[in-house]
Amino acid sequence: MVVSPKIFFNDCYGKYAIAAVNVFTMEQVHGLFSAAQRANAPFIVQLTPVARSYAHAKMLSAMIDAAAKIYPKAVYAVHLDHGNEEHAFDAINSKKYQSVMIDASHDDFETNVVRTRTVVEKAHQANMVVEAELGVLAGVEDDIDIAEEHSCYTQPSEVAVFVNATKCDSLAVAVGTSHGAYKFSGGQGIQFHILKEIQDRLNGFPIVLHGGSAVNVGEIERINQAGGKLTEGAAGVSSEEIVKSIQYGICKINIATDTRLLWARVHREFFKQTPDLFDPILPGKEYMQEYEKFMLQKFELLGATGKAERIRTNNKIVMSR
């Protein structure tokens, strides 16, 4: 069942969070939908411009449509992650998305407002919701490459003005997380005093946490033992911080890096341990199983396990009226 993220956020605010997971491949789509159906957990499928360029937007949409038939109890939304106006308008016109993100966070405040409002007006006409971003996250992921010295926290004094001016439906904030595998190099973690002030000023408005992967140290060690050369000592968002952030209005938590690290670990170990094999199906099956196991744990951590049934039931009641 496809559901607007607005319904998700109204249900989860302050109680649990929605996993918003970036996908690129068939194996990831299978693993995500399978885990969500088993956990009875609502979720958001995220497609970035890079993913759309790699696999083609139509291919990704077709895989998601097929997964919805294979896993009929899945309750989900499809979201464009980190798009510009061109990406957002294409997603809106395709009618395959329930939500789009316009990322104008690198612009000055007024330009960000103008660009975001332009996308909001078109999206709302199509009954779609818009995620905006205020503040700049550091990190390297897809086509994002922001040095730490160029990142900046979201200013709480600006959030209410921004939301009122743009009419966006959710707001991604920069409060200490970062994109990619090399997070928290300074050990600062989430700045909860900033997040609390943002929540106070937005009064129940859904807040989004980008860079929500944990970056499991054990995964990095196993990748390197199997021939990888990833920098050790990186740290993502701890489970404790994730759980704590939910009470501060975080409704949507973006996950991408962890599933990439998982892919690297599974494939490196498989071909190291079985160098005589070359069939992509074999590690592919293992990756789907490991992906499903990872997402089951993530849904449990976010408190989302078992929450899809209520959303499914309530949505059917609304649609029948």
C-alpha atoms as a PDB file:
ATOM      1  CA  MET A   1       0.000   0.000   0.000  1.00  0.00           C
ATOM      2  CA  VAL A   2       1.349   3.392  -1.027  1.00  0.00           C
ATOM      3  CA  VAL A   3       0.828   6.084   1.615  1.00  0.00           C
ATOM      4  CA  SER A   4       1.744   9.759   1.811  1.00  0.00           C
ATOM      5  CA  PRO A   5       4.637  10.494   4.192  1.00  0.00           C
ATOM      6  CA  LYS A   6       2.324  13.039   5.811  1.00  0.00           C
ATOM      7  CA  ILE A   7       0.253  10.128   7.147  1.00  0.00           C
ATOM      8  CA  PHE A   8       3.417   8.455   8.420  1.00  0.00           C
ATOM      9  CA  PHE A   9       4.572  11.591  10.209  1.00  0.00           C
ATOM     10  CA  ASN A  10       1.200  12.274  11.825  1.00  0.00           C
ATOM     11  CA  ASP A  11       1.238   8.768  13.238  1.00  0.00           C
ATOM     12  CA  CYS A  12       4.853   8.532  14.354  1.00  0.00           C
ATOM     13  CA  TYR A  13       5.682  11.989  15.754  1.00  0.00           C
ATOM     14  CA  GLY A  14       7.399  11.643  19.118  1.00  0.00           C
ATOM     15  CA  LYS A  15       6.758   7.892  19.284  1.00  0.00           C
ATOM     16  CA  TYR A  16       8.796   6.183  16.567  1.00  0.00           C
ATOM     17  CA  ALA A  17      10.607   7.037  13.345  1.00  0.00           C
ATOM     18  CA  ILE A  18      10.282   6.058   9.696  1.00  0.00           C
ATOM     19  CA  ALA A  19      13.294   4.480   8.009  1.00  0.00           C
ATOM     20  CA  ALA A  20      13.951   6.219   4.685  1.00  0.00           C
ATOM     21  CA  VAL A  21      16.265   3.920   2.763  1.00  0.00           C
ATOM     22  CA  ASN A  22      18.158   4.695  -0.431  1.00  0.00           C
ATOM     23  CA  VAL A  23      18.030   1.924  -3.041  1.00  0.00           C
ATOM     24  CA  PHE A  24      19.977   1.382  -6.242  1.00  0.00           C
ATOM     25  CA  THR A  25      19.531  -2.288  -7.140  1.00  0.00           C
ATOM     26  CA  MET A  26      17.017  -5.103  -7.341  1.00  0.00           C
ATOM     27  CA  GLU A  27      18.632  -6.857  -4.389  1.00  0.00           C
ATOM     28  CA  GLN A  28      18.150  -3.809  -2.187  1.00  0.00           C
ATOM     29  CA  VAL A  29      14.510  -3.400  -3.228  1.00  0.00           C
ATOM     30  CA  HIS A  30      13.802  -7.066  -2.442  1.00  0.00           C
ATOM     31  CA  GLY A  31      15.590  -6.893   0.903  1.00  0.00           C
ATOM     32  CA  LEU A  32      13.824  -3.709   1.965  1.00  0.00           C
ATOM     33  CA  PHE A  33      10.290  -4.768   1.036  1.00  0.00           C
ATOM     34  CA  SER A  34      10.756  -8.265   2.425  1.00  0.00           C
ATOM     35  CA  ALA A  35      12.001  -6.958   5.773  1.00  0.00           C
ATOM     36  CA  ALA A  36       9.240  -4.347   6.023  1.00  0.00           C
ATOM     37  CA  GLN A  37       6.518  -6.904   5.342  1.00  0.00           C
ATOM     38  CA  ARG A  38       7.980  -9.292   7.923  1.00  0.00           C
ATOM     39  CA  ALA A  39       8.295  -6.496  10.493  1.00  0.00           C
ATOM     40  CA  ASN A  40       4.912  -4.981   9.599  1.00  0.00           C
ATOM     41  CA  ALA A  41       6.758  -1.658   9.544  1.00  0.00           C
ATOM     42  CA  PRO A  42       6.035   1.440   7.429  1.00  0.00           C
ATOM     43  CA  PHE A  43       8.985   2.761   5.413  1.00  0.00           C
ATOM     44  CA  ILE A  44      10.091   5.187   2.714  1.00  0.00           C
ATOM     45  CA  VAL A  45      11.940   4.117  -0.433  1.00  0.00           C
ATOM     46  CA  GLN A  46      14.400   6.823  -1.426  1.00  0.00           C
ATOM     47  CA  LEU A  47      15.767   7.410  -4.923  1.00  0.00           C
ATOM     48  CA  THR A  48      18.580   9.864  -5.496  1.00  0.00           C
ATOM     49  CA  PRO A  49      19.408  11.568  -8.801  1.00  0.00           C
ATOM     50  CA  VAL A  50      22.516   9.362  -8.955  1.00  0.00           C
ATOM     51  CA  ALA A  51      20.413   6.216  -8.522  1.00  0.00           C
ATOM     52  CA  ARG A  52      18.015   7.419 -11.211  1.00  0.00           C
ATOM     53  CA  SER A  53      20.952   8.058 -13.537  1.00  0.00           C
ATOM     54  CA  TYR A  54      22.569   4.686 -12.784  1.00  0.00           C
ATOM     55  CA  ALA A  55      19.568   2.376 -13.107  1.00  0.00           C
ATOM     56  CA  HIS A  56      17.196   4.810 -14.931  1.00  0.00           C
ATOM     57  CA  ALA A  57      14.190   6.308 -13.188  1.00  0.00           C
ATOM     58  CA  LYS A  58      11.752   4.074 -15.076  1.00  0.00           C
ATOM     59  CA  MET A  59      13.660   0.926 -14.127  1.00  0.00           C
ATOM     60  CA  LEU A  60      13.672   1.880 -10.446  1.00  0.00           C
ATOM     61  CA  SER A  61       9.973   2.708 -10.483  1.00  0.00           C
ATOM     62  CA  ALA A  62       9.200  -0.589 -12.220  1.00  0.00           C
ATOM     63  CA  MET A  63      11.152  -2.534  -9.592  1.00  0.00           C
ATOM     64  CA  ILE A  64       9.285  -0.769  -6.785  1.00  0.00           C
ATOM     65  CA  ASP A  65       5.918  -1.410  -8.454  1.00  0.00           C
ATOM     66  CA  ALA A  66       6.842  -5.086  -8.826  1.00  0.00           C
ATOM     67  CA  ALA A  67       7.976  -5.311  -5.196  1.00  0.00           C
ATOM     68  CA  ALA A  68       4.631  -3.897  -4.062  1.00  0.00           C
ATOM     69  CA  LYS A  69       2.925  -6.851  -5.794  1.00  0.00           C
ATOM     70  CA  ILE A  70       5.394  -9.418  -4.470  1.00  0.00           C
ATOM     71  CA  TYR A  71       5.077  -8.051  -0.928  1.00  0.00           C
ATOM     72  CA  PRO A  72       1.415  -6.922  -0.857  1.00  0.00           C
ATOM     73  CA  LYS A  73       1.356  -6.071   2.852  1.00  0.00           C
ATOM     74  CA  ALA A  74       4.166  -3.504   2.543  1.00  0.00           C
ATOM     75  CA  VAL A  75       3.140   0.034   3.545  1.00  0.00           C
ATOM     76  CA  TYR A  76       5.467   2.558   1.967  1.00  0.00           C
ATOM     77  CA  ALA A  77       6.065   5.855   0.186  1.00  0.00           C
ATOM     78  CA  VAL A  78       8.492   6.714  -2.615  1.00  0.00           C
ATOM     79  CA  HIS A  79      10.666   9.797  -2.106  1.00  0.00           C
ATOM     80  CA  LEU A  80      13.111  11.712  -4.304  1.00  0.00           C
ATOM     81  CA  ASP A  81      16.179  12.400  -2.176  1.00  0.00           C
ATOM     82  CA  HIS A  82      18.469  15.426  -2.683  1.00  0.00           C
ATOM     83  CA  GLY A  83      16.963  16.678  -5.916  1.00  0.00           C
ATOM     84  CA  ASN A  84      17.139  20.046  -7.630  1.00  0.00           C
ATOM     85  CA  GLU A  85      14.208  21.644  -9.455  1.00  0.00           C
ATOM     86  CA  GLU A  86      14.719  19.577 -12.594  1.00  0.00           C
ATOM     87  CA  HIS A  87      14.772  16.308 -10.646  1.00  0.00           C
ATOM     88  CA  ALA A  88      11.805  17.331  -8.503  1.00  0.00           C
ATOM     89  CA  PHE A  89       9.620  18.411 -11.417  1.00  0.00           C
ATOM     90  CA  ASP A  90      10.399  15.206 -13.311  1.00  0.00           C
ATOM     91  CA  ALA A  91       9.461  13.138 -10.259  1.00  0.00           C
ATOM     92  CA  ILE A  92       6.248  15.114  -9.771  1.00  0.00           C
ATOM     93  CA  ASN A  93       5.247  14.739 -13.428  1.00  0.00           C
ATOM     94  CA  SER A  94       5.962  10.986 -13.363  1.00  0.00           C
ATOM     95  CA  LYS A  95       3.269  10.450 -10.691  1.00  0.00           C
ATOM     96  CA  LYS A  96       5.460   7.666  -9.257  1.00  0.00           C
ATOM     97  CA  TYR A  97       6.459   9.532  -6.098  1.00  0.00           C
ATOM     98  CA  GLN A  98       4.589  10.678  -3.023  1.00  0.00           C
ATOM     99  CA  SER A  99       7.324  13.036  -1.852  1.00  0.00           C
ATOM    100  CA  VAL A 100      10.236  15.036  -3.228  1.00  0.00           C
ATOM    101  CA  MET A 101      13.159  16.813  -1.630  1.00  0.00           C
ATOM    102  CA  ILE A 102      14.490  20.096  -2.933  1.00  0.00           C
ATOM    103  CA  ASP A 103      18.008  20.587  -1.626  1.00  0.00           C
ATOM    104  CA  ALA A 104      18.876  24.274  -1.816  1.00  0.00           C
ATOM    105  CA  SER A 105      20.705  24.212   1.512  1.00  0.00           C
ATOM    106  CA  HIS A 106      23.963  25.401  -0.044  1.00  0.00           C
ATOM    107  CA  ASP A 107      22.346  28.639  -1.178  1.00  0.00           C
ATOM    108  CA  ASP A 108      21.807  31.691   0.989  1.00  0.00           C
ATOM    109  CA  PHE A 109      18.621  31.763   3.055  1.00  0.00           C
ATOM    110  CA  GLU A 110      16.514  33.867   0.686  1.00  0.00           C
ATOM    111  CA  THR A 111      17.514  31.854  -2.381  1.00  0.00           C
ATOM    112  CA  ASN A 112      16.754  28.638  -0.520  1.00  0.00           C
ATOM    113  CA  VAL A 113      13.288  29.993   0.299  1.00  0.00           C
ATOM    114  CA  VAL A 114      12.556  30.971  -3.306  1.00  0.00           C
ATOM    115  CA  ARG A 115      13.755  27.665  -4.783  1.00  0.00           C
ATOM    116  CA  THR A 116      11.959  25.582  -2.174  1.00  0.00           C
ATOM    117  CA  ARG A 117       8.696  27.504  -2.522  1.00  0.00           C
ATOM    118  CA  THR A 118       8.756  26.996  -6.297  1.00  0.00           C
ATOM    119  CA  VAL A 119       8.920  23.214  -5.859  1.00  0.00           C
ATOM    120  CA  VAL A 120       6.336  23.236  -3.053  1.00  0.00           C
ATOM    121  CA  GLU A 121       3.782  25.048  -5.209  1.00  0.00           C
ATOM    122  CA  LYS A 122       4.069  22.505  -8.024  1.00  0.00           C
ATOM    123  CA  ALA A 123       4.178  19.496  -5.689  1.00  0.00           C
ATOM    124  CA  HIS A 124       1.149  20.558  -3.676  1.00  0.00           C
ATOM    125  CA  GLN A 125      -0.851  20.957  -6.869  1.00  0.00           C
ATOM    126  CA  ALA A 126      -0.149  17.255  -7.463  1.00  0.00           C
ATOM    127  CA  ASN A 127      -0.999  16.314  -3.847  1.00  0.00           C
ATOM    128  CA  MET A 128       2.645  15.528  -3.108  1.00  0.00           C
ATOM    129  CA  VAL A 129       4.668  16.593  -0.103  1.00  0.00           C
ATOM    130  CA  VAL A 130       8.033  18.344  -0.033  1.00  0.00           C
ATOM    131  CA  GLU A 131      11.062  17.953   2.191  1.00  0.00           C
ATOM    132  CA  ALA A 132      13.383  20.952   2.371  1.00  0.00           C
ATOM    133  CA  GLU A 133      16.781  21.375   4.011  1.00  0.00           C
ATOM    134  CA  LEU A 134      18.215  24.168   6.122  1.00  0.00           C
ATOM    135  CA  GLY A 135      21.837  23.967   7.211  1.00  0.00           C
ATOM    136  CA  VAL A 136      24.650  22.070   5.474  1.00  0.00           C
ATOM    137  CA  LEU A 137      25.813  18.542   6.322  1.00  0.00           C
ATOM    138  CA  ALA A 138      29.416  17.534   5.725  1.00  0.00           C
ATOM    139  CA  GLY A 139      30.348  14.260   4.056  1.00  0.00           C
ATOM    140  CA  VAL A 140      30.800  12.410   0.776  1.00  0.00           C
ATOM    141  CA  GLU A 141      27.964  10.387  -0.759  1.00  0.00           C
ATOM    142  CA  ASP A 142      26.735  10.047  -4.353  1.00  0.00           C
ATOM    143  CA  ASP A 143      27.368  13.511  -5.854  1.00  0.00           C
ATOM    144  CA  ILE A 144      27.528  15.222  -2.446  1.00  0.00           C
ATOM    145  CA  ASP A 145      31.014  16.282  -1.365  1.00  0.00           C
ATOM    146  CA  ILE A 146      31.073  18.837   1.434  1.00  0.00           C
ATOM    147  CA  ALA A 147      34.213  19.448   3.462  1.00  0.00           C
ATOM    148  CA  GLU A 148      33.725  19.613   7.223  1.00  0.00           C
ATOM    149  CA  GLU A 149      34.822  23.231   7.362  1.00  0.00           C
ATOM    150  CA  HIS A 150      32.053  24.162   4.912  1.00  0.00           C
ATOM    151  CA  SER A 151      29.281  22.488   6.897  1.00  0.00           C
ATOM    152  CA  CYS A 152      27.102  24.484   9.256  1.00  0.00           C
ATOM    153  CA  TYR A 153      24.447  23.725  11.828  1.00  0.00           C
ATOM    154  CA  THR A 154      20.848  24.695  11.207  1.00  0.00           C
ATOM    155  CA  GLN A 155      20.105  27.968  12.982  1.00  0.00           C
ATOM    156  CA  PRO A 156      17.033  27.474  15.197  1.00  0.00           C
ATOM    157  CA  SER A 157      16.142  31.145  14.824  1.00  0.00           C
ATOM    158  CA  GLU A 158      15.551  30.594  11.091  1.00  0.00           C
ATOM    159  CA  VAL A 159      13.456  27.417  11.029  1.00  0.00           C
ATOM    160  CA  ALA A 160       9.982  28.816  11.709  1.00  0.00           C
ATOM    161  CA  VAL A 161      10.493  31.675   9.254  1.00  0.00           C
ATOM    162  CA  PHE A 162      11.693  29.216   6.617  1.00  0.00           C
ATOM    163  CA  VAL A 163       8.826  26.752   7.065  1.00  0.00           C
ATOM    164  CA  ASN A 164       6.204  29.516   7.044  1.00  0.00           C
ATOM    165  CA  ALA A 165       7.708  31.116   3.950  1.00  0.00           C
ATOM    166  CA  THR A 166       8.099  27.930   1.928  1.00  0.00           C
ATOM    167  CA  LYS A 167       5.130  25.870   3.162  1.00  0.00           C
ATOM    168  CA  CYS A 168       7.352  22.773   3.037  1.00  0.00           C
ATOM    169  CA  ASP A 169       5.988  19.630   4.732  1.00  0.00           C
ATOM    170  CA  SER A 170       9.124  18.441   6.544  1.00  0.00           C
ATOM    171  CA  LEU A 171      12.551  19.897   7.243  1.00  0.00           C
ATOM    172  CA  ALA A 172      15.961  18.204   7.105  1.00  0.00           C
ATOM    173  CA  VAL A 173      18.310  19.788   9.626  1.00  0.00           C
ATOM    174  CA  ALA A 174      22.054  19.808  10.208  1.00  0.00           C
ATOM    175  CA  VAL A 175      22.648  18.964  13.861  1.00  0.00           C
ATOM    176  CA  GLY A 176      25.892  17.006  13.790  1.00  0.00           C
ATOM    177  CA  THR A 177      25.382  14.075  11.419  1.00  0.00           C
ATOM    178  CA  SER A 178      27.063  13.764   8.020  1.00  0.00           C
ATOM    179  CA  HIS A 179      26.732  11.908   4.747  1.00  0.00           C
ATOM    180  CA  GLY A 180      28.850   8.897   3.877  1.00  0.00           C
ATOM    181  CA  ALA A 181      31.049   6.493   5.841  1.00  0.00           C
ATOM    182  CA  TYR A 182      33.363   8.908   7.602  1.00  0.00           C
ATOM    183  CA  LYS A 183      31.159  10.527  10.205  1.00  0.00           C
ATOM    184  CA  PHE A 184      31.811  12.335  13.451  1.00  0.00           C
ATOM    185  CA  SER A 185      35.575  12.555  12.967  1.00  0.00           C
ATOM    186  CA  GLY A 186      35.634  15.095  15.756  1.00  0.00           C
ATOM    187  CA  GLY A 187      33.465  12.938  17.991  1.00  0.00           C
ATOM    188  CA  GLN A 188      30.824  15.614  18.434  1.00  0.00           C
ATOM    189  CA  GLY A 189      27.708  13.545  17.689  1.00  0.00           C
ATOM    190  CA  ILE A 190      24.186  14.937  17.504  1.00  0.00           C
ATOM    191  CA  GLN A 191      23.826  18.362  19.073  1.00  0.00           C
ATOM    192  CA  PHE A 192      20.656  17.774  21.041  1.00  0.00           C
ATOM    193  CA  HIS A 193      20.501  21.298  22.433  1.00  0.00           C
ATOM    194  CA  ILE A 194      20.163  22.581  18.846  1.00  0.00           C
ATOM    195  CA  LEU A 195      17.650  19.894  17.946  1.00  0.00           C
ATOM    196  CA  LYS A 196      15.567  20.701  21.029  1.00  0.00           C
ATOM    197  CA  GLU A 197      15.444  24.396  20.155  1.00  0.00           C
ATOM    198  CA  ILE A 198      14.410  23.558  16.598  1.00  0.00           C
ATOM    199  CA  GLN A 199      11.628  21.337  17.898  1.00  0.00           C
ATOM    200  CA  ASP A 200      10.416  24.027  20.288  1.00  0.00           C
ATOM    201  CA  ARG A 201      10.207  26.578  17.480  1.00  0.00           C
ATOM    202  CA  LEU A 202       8.431  24.246  15.027  1.00  0.00           C
ATOM    203  CA  ASN A 203       5.877  22.842  17.509  1.00  0.00           C
ATOM    204  CA  GLY A 204       5.049  19.366  16.188  1.00  0.00           C
ATOM    205  CA  PHE A 205       6.443  19.828  12.675  1.00  0.00           C
ATOM    206  CA  PRO A 206       8.227  16.699  11.286  1.00  0.00           C
ATOM    207  CA  ILE A 207      12.028  16.939  11.325  1.00  0.00           C
ATOM    208  CA  VAL A 208      14.304  14.796   9.154  1.00  0.00           C
ATOM    209  CA  LEU A 209      17.720  13.403  10.083  1.00  0.00           C
ATOM    210  CA  HIS A 210      20.059  12.847   7.152  1.00  0.00           C
ATOM    211  CA  GLY A 211      23.212  10.796   7.612  1.00  0.00           C
ATOM    212  CA  GLY A 212      21.452   8.359   9.937  1.00  0.00           C
ATOM    213  CA  SER A 213      23.629   5.302   9.284  1.00  0.00           C
ATOM    214  CA  ALA A 214      25.480   3.694  12.185  1.00  0.00           C
ATOM    215  CA  VAL A 215      28.686   2.792  10.262  1.00  0.00           C
ATOM    216  CA  ASN A 216      29.254  -0.460  12.154  1.00  0.00           C
ATOM    217  CA  VAL A 217      32.931  -0.789  13.075  1.00  0.00           C
ATOM    218  CA  GLY A 218      32.686  -4.553  12.746  1.00  0.00           C
ATOM    219  CA  GLU A 219      31.557  -4.229   9.126  1.00  0.00           C
ATOM    220  CA  ILE A 220      34.516  -2.010   8.277  1.00  0.00           C
ATOM    221  CA  GLU A 221      36.927  -4.453   9.932  1.00  0.00           C
ATOM    222  CA  ARG A 222      35.481  -7.390   8.006  1.00  0.00           C
ATOM    223  CA  ILE A 223      35.647  -5.464   4.724  1.00  0.00           C
ATOM    224  CA  ASN A 224      39.311  -4.667   5.317  1.00  0.00           C
ATOM    225  CA  GLN A 225      40.095  -8.241   6.342  1.00  0.00           C
ATOM    226  CA  ALA A 226      38.640  -9.329   3.005  1.00  0.00           C
ATOM    227  CA  GLY A 227      40.857  -6.969   1.023  1.00  0.00           C
ATOM    228  CA  GLY A 228      39.246  -3.573   1.521  1.00  0.00           C
ATOM    229  CA  LYS A 229      41.087  -0.416   2.521  1.00  0.00           C
ATOM    230  CA  LEU A 230      38.443   1.661   4.249  1.00  0.00           C
ATOM    231  CA  THR A 231      39.641   4.129   6.839  1.00  0.00           C
ATOM    232  CA  GLU A 232      39.093   2.712  10.303  1.00  0.00           C
ATOM    233  CA  GLY A 233      37.973   4.759  13.293  1.00  0.00           C
ATOM    234  CA  ALA A 234      34.896   6.251  11.624  1.00  0.00           C
ATOM    235  CA  ALA A 235      31.717   6.396  13.662  1.00  0.00           C
ATOM    236  CA  GLY A 236      28.122   6.891  12.638  1.00  0.00           C
ATOM    237  CA  VAL A 237      25.041   7.675  14.672  1.00  0.00           C
ATOM    238  CA  SER A 238      24.817   5.467  17.757  1.00  0.00           C
ATOM    239  CA  SER A 239      21.674   3.509  18.562  1.00  0.00           C
ATOM    240  CA  GLU A 240      21.271   5.564  21.722  1.00  0.00           C
ATOM    241  CA  GLU A 241      21.353   8.831  19.785  1.00  0.00           C
ATOM    242  CA  ILE A 242      18.867   7.531  17.216  1.00  0.00           C
ATOM    243  CA  VAL A 243      16.367   6.519  19.869  1.00  0.00           C
ATOM    244  CA  LYS A 244      16.848   9.768  21.774  1.00  0.00           C
ATOM    245  CA  SER A 245      16.368  11.893  18.640  1.00  0.00           C
ATOM    246  CA  ILE A 246      12.833  10.575  18.118  1.00  0.00           C
ATOM    247  CA  GLN A 247      11.513  12.389  21.192  1.00  0.00           C
ATOM    248  CA  TYR A 248      12.921  15.628  19.707  1.00  0.00           C
ATOM    249  CA  GLY A 249      10.647  15.472  16.650  1.00  0.00           C
ATOM    250  CA  ILE A 250      12.770  13.353  14.297  1.00  0.00           C
ATOM    251  CA  CYS A 251      10.205  11.492  12.189  1.00  0.00           C
ATOM    252  CA  LYS A 252      12.296  10.350   9.216  1.00  0.00           C
ATOM    253  CA  ILE A 253      15.805   8.907   9.410  1.00  0.00           C
ATOM    254  CA  ASN A 254      17.794   8.490   6.196  1.00  0.00           C
ATOM    255  CA  ILE A 255      19.852   5.326   5.737  1.00  0.00           C
ATOM    256  CA  ALA A 256      22.237   4.644   2.858  1.00  0.00           C
ATOM    257  CA  THR A 257      25.841   4.114   3.962  1.00  0.00           C
ATOM    258  CA  ASP A 258      25.123   1.079   6.134  1.00  0.00           C
ATOM    259  CA  THR A 259      23.559  -0.847   3.251  1.00  0.00           C
ATOM    260  CA  ARG A 260      26.548  -0.021   1.021  1.00  0.00           C
ATOM    261  CA  LEU A 261      28.997  -1.232   3.631  1.00  0.00           C
ATOM    262  CA  LEU A 262      26.930  -4.390   3.921  1.00  0.00           C
ATOM    263  CA  TRP A 263      27.142  -4.890   0.150  1.00  0.00           C
ATOM    264  CA  ALA A 264      30.920  -4.470   0.220  1.00  0.00           C
ATOM    265  CA  ARG A 265      31.363  -6.878   3.128  1.00  0.00           C
ATOM    266  CA  VAL A 266      29.160  -9.626   1.663  1.00  0.00           C
ATOM    267  CA  HIS A 267      30.746  -9.507  -1.778  1.00  0.00           C
ATOM    268  CA  ARG A 268      34.355  -9.152  -0.627  1.00  0.00           C
ATOM    269  CA  GLU A 269      34.055 -12.038   1.808  1.00  0.00           C
ATOM    270  CA  PHE A 270      32.198 -14.222  -0.687  1.00  0.00           C
ATOM    271  CA  PHE A 271      34.783 -13.911  -3.451  1.00  0.00           C
ATOM    272  CA  LYS A 272      37.716 -14.134  -1.050  1.00  0.00           C
ATOM    273  CA  GLN A 273      36.360 -17.339   0.465  1.00  0.00           C
ATOM    274  CA  THR A 274      35.282 -18.822  -2.878  1.00  0.00           C
ATOM    275  CA  PRO A 275      37.735 -17.443  -5.461  1.00  0.00           C
ATOM    276  CA  ASP A 276      36.757 -20.152  -7.937  1.00  0.00           C
ATOM    277  CA  LEU A 277      33.204 -18.824  -8.220  1.00  0.00           C
ATOM    278  CA  PHE A 278      31.967 -15.951 -10.366  1.00  0.00           C
ATOM    279  CA  ASP A 279      28.168 -16.209 -10.468  1.00  0.00           C
ATOM    280  CA  PRO A 280      26.618 -12.904  -9.234  1.00  0.00           C
ATOM    281  CA  ILE A 281      23.451 -14.694  -8.110  1.00  0.00           C
ATOM    282  CA  LEU A 282      25.192 -16.427  -5.201  1.00  0.00           C
ATOM    283  CA  PRO A 283      26.491 -13.354  -3.343  1.00  0.00           C
ATOM    284  CA  GLY A 284      23.349 -11.546  -4.468  1.00  0.00           C
ATOM    285  CA  LYS A 285      21.152 -13.981  -2.547  1.00  0.00           C
ATOM    286  CA  GLU A 286      23.371 -13.669   0.501  1.00  0.00           C
ATOM    287  CA  TYR A 287      23.224  -9.873   0.305  1.00  0.00           C
ATOM    288  CA  MET A 288      19.423  -9.903   0.197  1.00  0.00           C
ATOM    289  CA  GLN A 289      19.345 -12.117   3.302  1.00  0.00           C
ATOM    290  CA  GLU A 290      21.825  -9.917   5.160  1.00  0.00           C
ATOM    291  CA  TYR A 291      19.996  -6.779   4.030  1.00  0.00           C
ATOM    292  CA  GLU A 292      16.691  -8.140   5.335  1.00  0.00           C
ATOM    293  CA  LYS A 293      18.296  -9.029   8.672  1.00  0.00           C
ATOM    294  CA  PHE A 294      19.807  -5.533   8.934  1.00  0.00           C
ATOM    295  CA  MET A 295      16.504  -3.791   8.193  1.00  0.00           C
ATOM    296  CA  LEU A 296      14.584  -5.945  10.673  1.00  0.00           C
ATOM    297  CA  GLN A 297      16.988  -4.745  13.351  1.00  0.00           C
ATOM    298  CA  LYS A 298      16.662  -1.138  12.154  1.00  0.00           C
ATOM    299  CA  PHE A 299      12.853  -1.186  12.210  1.00  0.00           C
ATOM    300  CA  GLU A 300      13.000  -2.536  15.750  1.00  0.00           C
ATOM    301  CA  LEU A 301      15.451   0.170  16.815  1.00  0.00           C
ATOM    302  CA  LEU A 302      13.261   2.938  15.371  1.00  0.00           C
ATOM    303  CA  GLY A 303      10.205   1.553  17.106  1.00  0.00           C
ATOM    304  CA  ALA A 304       8.458   1.040  13.748  1.00  0.00           C
ATOM    305  CA  THR A 305       7.921  -2.717  14.017  1.00  0.00           C
ATOM    306  CA  GLY A 306       4.209  -3.537  14.004  1.00  0.00           C
ATOM    307  CA  LYS A 307       3.097   0.005  13.148  1.00  0.00           C
ATOM    308  CA  ALA A 308       2.101  -0.599   9.504  1.00  0.00           C
ATOM    309  CA  GLU A 309      -1.114  -2.425  10.356  1.00  0.00           C
ATOM    310  CA  ARG A 310      -2.629   0.594  12.083  1.00  0.00           C
ATOM    311  CA  ILE A 311      -1.703   2.847   9.172  1.00  0.00           C
ATOM    312  CA  ARG A 312      -3.079   0.330   6.697  1.00  0.00           C
ATOM    313  CA  THR A 313      -6.355   0.016   8.584  1.00  0.00           C
ATOM    314  CA  ASN A 314      -6.809   3.755   9.139  1.00  0.00           C
ATOM    315  CA  ASN A 315      -6.019   4.509   5.518  1.00  0.00           C
ATOM    316  CA  LYS A 316      -8.605   1.999   4.309  1.00  0.00           C
ATOM    317  CA  ILE A 317     -11.219   3.600   6.544  1.00  0.00           C
ATOM    318  CA  VAL A 318     -10.441   7.063   5.146  1.00  0.00           C
ATOM    319  CA  MET A 319     -10.500   5.806   1.547  1.00  0.00           C
ATOM    320  CA  SER A 320     -13.862   4.085   2.071  1.00  0.00           C
ATOM    321  CA  ARG A 321     -15.586   7.261   3.255  1.00  0.00           C
END
